[in-house]
């Protein structure tokens, strides 16, 4: 079945996968930053 696809179709599929992966990476980076901020906030509140 993959043999019947044109190279252009394959490029579009790979690009769509790449864009989805980049969106997931962006989401994970945002979550990591939020967790770092939350951890910092807890540390500050503990010493207040």
N, C-alpha and C. Protein backbone atom coordinates (compact mmCIF):
# COMPACT_ATOMS: atom_id res chain seq x y z
N UNK A 1 0.81 -1.18 0.00
CA UNK A 1 0.00 0.00 0.00
C UNK A 1 0.87 1.27 0.00
N UNK A 2 1.97 1.28 0.76
CA UNK A 2 2.85 2.44 0.78
C UNK A 2 3.54 2.65 -0.56
N UNK A 3 3.68 1.60 -1.35
CA UNK A 3 4.35 1.72 -2.63
C UNK A 3 3.53 2.54 -3.61
N UNK A 4 2.21 2.60 -3.41
CA UNK A 4 1.34 3.31 -4.33
C UNK A 4 1.32 4.81 -4.07
N UNK A 5 1.85 5.27 -2.95
CA UNK A 5 1.83 6.70 -2.62
C UNK A 5 2.91 7.44 -3.40
N UNK A 6 2.57 8.63 -3.80
CA UNK A 6 3.56 9.44 -4.50
C UNK A 6 4.52 10.04 -3.48
N UNK A 7 5.70 10.42 -3.94
CA UNK A 7 6.65 11.06 -3.01
C UNK A 7 6.07 12.32 -2.36
N UNK A 8 5.26 13.06 -3.10
CA UNK A 8 4.66 14.28 -2.55
C UNK A 8 3.71 13.95 -1.39
N UNK A 9 2.95 12.87 -1.52
CA UNK A 9 2.06 12.45 -0.43
C UNK A 9 2.87 12.05 0.79
N UNK A 10 3.95 11.35 0.57
CA UNK A 10 4.81 10.95 1.69
C UNK A 10 5.39 12.17 2.40
N UNK A 11 5.81 13.16 1.62
CA UNK A 11 6.36 14.38 2.21
C UNK A 11 5.30 15.07 3.06
N UNK A 12 4.07 15.16 2.54
CA UNK A 12 3.00 15.79 3.31
C UNK A 12 2.72 15.04 4.61
N UNK A 13 2.72 13.72 4.55
CA UNK A 13 2.47 12.92 5.76
C UNK A 13 3.59 13.12 6.79
N UNK A 14 4.83 13.09 6.32
CA UNK A 14 5.96 13.28 7.23
C UNK A 14 5.95 14.68 7.83
N UNK A 15 5.59 15.67 7.03
CA UNK A 15 5.52 17.04 7.53
C UNK A 15 4.41 17.18 8.57
N UNK A 16 3.28 16.53 8.35
CA UNK A 16 2.19 16.56 9.33
C UNK A 16 2.62 15.91 10.64
N UNK A 17 3.33 14.78 10.54
CA UNK A 17 3.85 14.12 11.75
C UNK A 17 4.84 15.01 12.48
N UNK A 18 5.71 15.67 11.72
CA UNK A 18 6.70 16.56 12.30
C UNK A 18 6.03 17.73 13.02
N UNK A 19 5.02 18.33 12.39
CA UNK A 19 4.32 19.45 13.02
C UNK A 19 3.62 19.03 14.29
N UNK A 20 3.03 17.84 14.29
CA UNK A 20 2.37 17.32 15.49
C UNK A 20 3.39 17.11 16.60
N UNK A 21 4.53 16.55 16.26
CA UNK A 21 5.59 16.32 17.24
C UNK A 21 6.09 17.63 17.81
N UNK A 22 6.28 18.63 16.97
CA UNK A 22 6.75 19.93 17.44
C UNK A 22 5.73 20.58 18.38
N UNK A 23 4.44 20.41 18.09
CA UNK A 23 3.40 20.95 18.97
C UNK A 23 3.45 20.25 20.33
N UNK A 24 3.66 18.93 20.33
CA UNK A 24 3.77 18.19 21.59
C UNK A 24 5.00 18.63 22.38
N UNK A 25 6.11 18.86 21.69
CA UNK A 25 7.32 19.32 22.37
C UNK A 25 7.09 20.69 22.99
N UNK A 26 6.42 21.58 22.27
CA UNK A 26 6.12 22.91 22.80
C UNK A 26 5.27 22.80 24.06
N UNK A 27 4.26 21.92 24.02
CA UNK A 27 3.39 21.72 25.18
C UNK A 27 4.20 21.21 26.37
N UNK A 28 5.08 20.25 26.14
CA UNK A 28 5.88 19.69 27.22
C UNK A 28 6.85 20.73 27.79
N UNK A 29 7.41 21.59 26.93
CA UNK A 29 8.28 22.65 27.43
C UNK A 29 7.50 23.61 28.32
N UNK A 30 6.27 23.94 27.93
CA UNK A 30 5.44 24.83 28.75
C UNK A 30 5.12 24.19 30.09
N UNK A 31 4.80 22.91 30.08
CA UNK A 31 4.49 22.20 31.32
C UNK A 31 5.73 22.17 32.22
N UNK A 32 6.89 21.93 31.65
CA UNK A 32 8.12 21.90 32.45
C UNK A 32 8.39 23.27 33.06
N UNK A 33 8.17 24.32 32.31
CA UNK A 33 8.39 25.67 32.85
C UNK A 33 7.40 25.95 33.98
N UNK A 34 6.14 25.54 33.81
CA UNK A 34 5.15 25.73 34.86
C UNK A 34 5.53 24.97 36.12
N UNK A 35 6.03 23.75 35.96
CA UNK A 35 6.44 22.96 37.12
C UNK A 35 7.62 23.60 37.84
N UNK A 36 8.56 24.14 37.07
CA UNK A 36 9.69 24.84 37.70
C UNK A 36 9.20 26.05 38.48
N UNK A 37 8.28 26.81 37.91
CA UNK A 37 7.74 27.98 38.60
C UNK A 37 6.99 27.57 39.86
N UNK A 38 6.22 26.51 39.77
CA UNK A 38 5.45 26.03 40.91
C UNK A 38 6.39 25.57 42.03
N UNK A 39 7.45 24.87 41.64
CA UNK A 39 8.43 24.40 42.63
C UNK A 39 9.11 25.58 43.31
N UNK A 40 9.46 26.58 42.53
CA UNK A 40 10.08 27.78 43.07
C UNK A 40 9.13 28.50 44.02
N UNK A 41 7.85 28.56 43.66
CA UNK A 41 6.85 29.22 44.50
C UNK A 41 6.70 28.49 45.84
N UNK A 42 6.69 27.16 45.80
CA UNK A 42 6.58 26.38 47.03
C UNK A 42 7.80 26.63 47.92
N UNK A 43 8.98 26.66 47.31
CA UNK A 43 10.20 26.89 48.07
C UNK A 43 10.17 28.26 48.75
N UNK A 44 9.67 29.27 48.05
CA UNK A 44 9.60 30.61 48.61
C UNK A 44 8.59 30.66 49.74
N UNK A 45 7.42 30.02 49.55
CA UNK A 45 6.38 30.05 50.58
C UNK A 45 6.84 29.30 51.84
N UNK A 46 7.67 28.27 51.65
CA UNK A 46 8.13 27.49 52.80
C UNK A 46 8.98 28.35 53.74
N UNK A 47 9.75 29.26 53.17
CA UNK A 47 10.65 30.09 53.97
C UNK A 47 10.04 31.44 54.36
N UNK A 48 8.77 31.68 53.99
CA UNK A 48 8.11 32.92 54.39
C UNK A 48 7.77 32.93 55.86
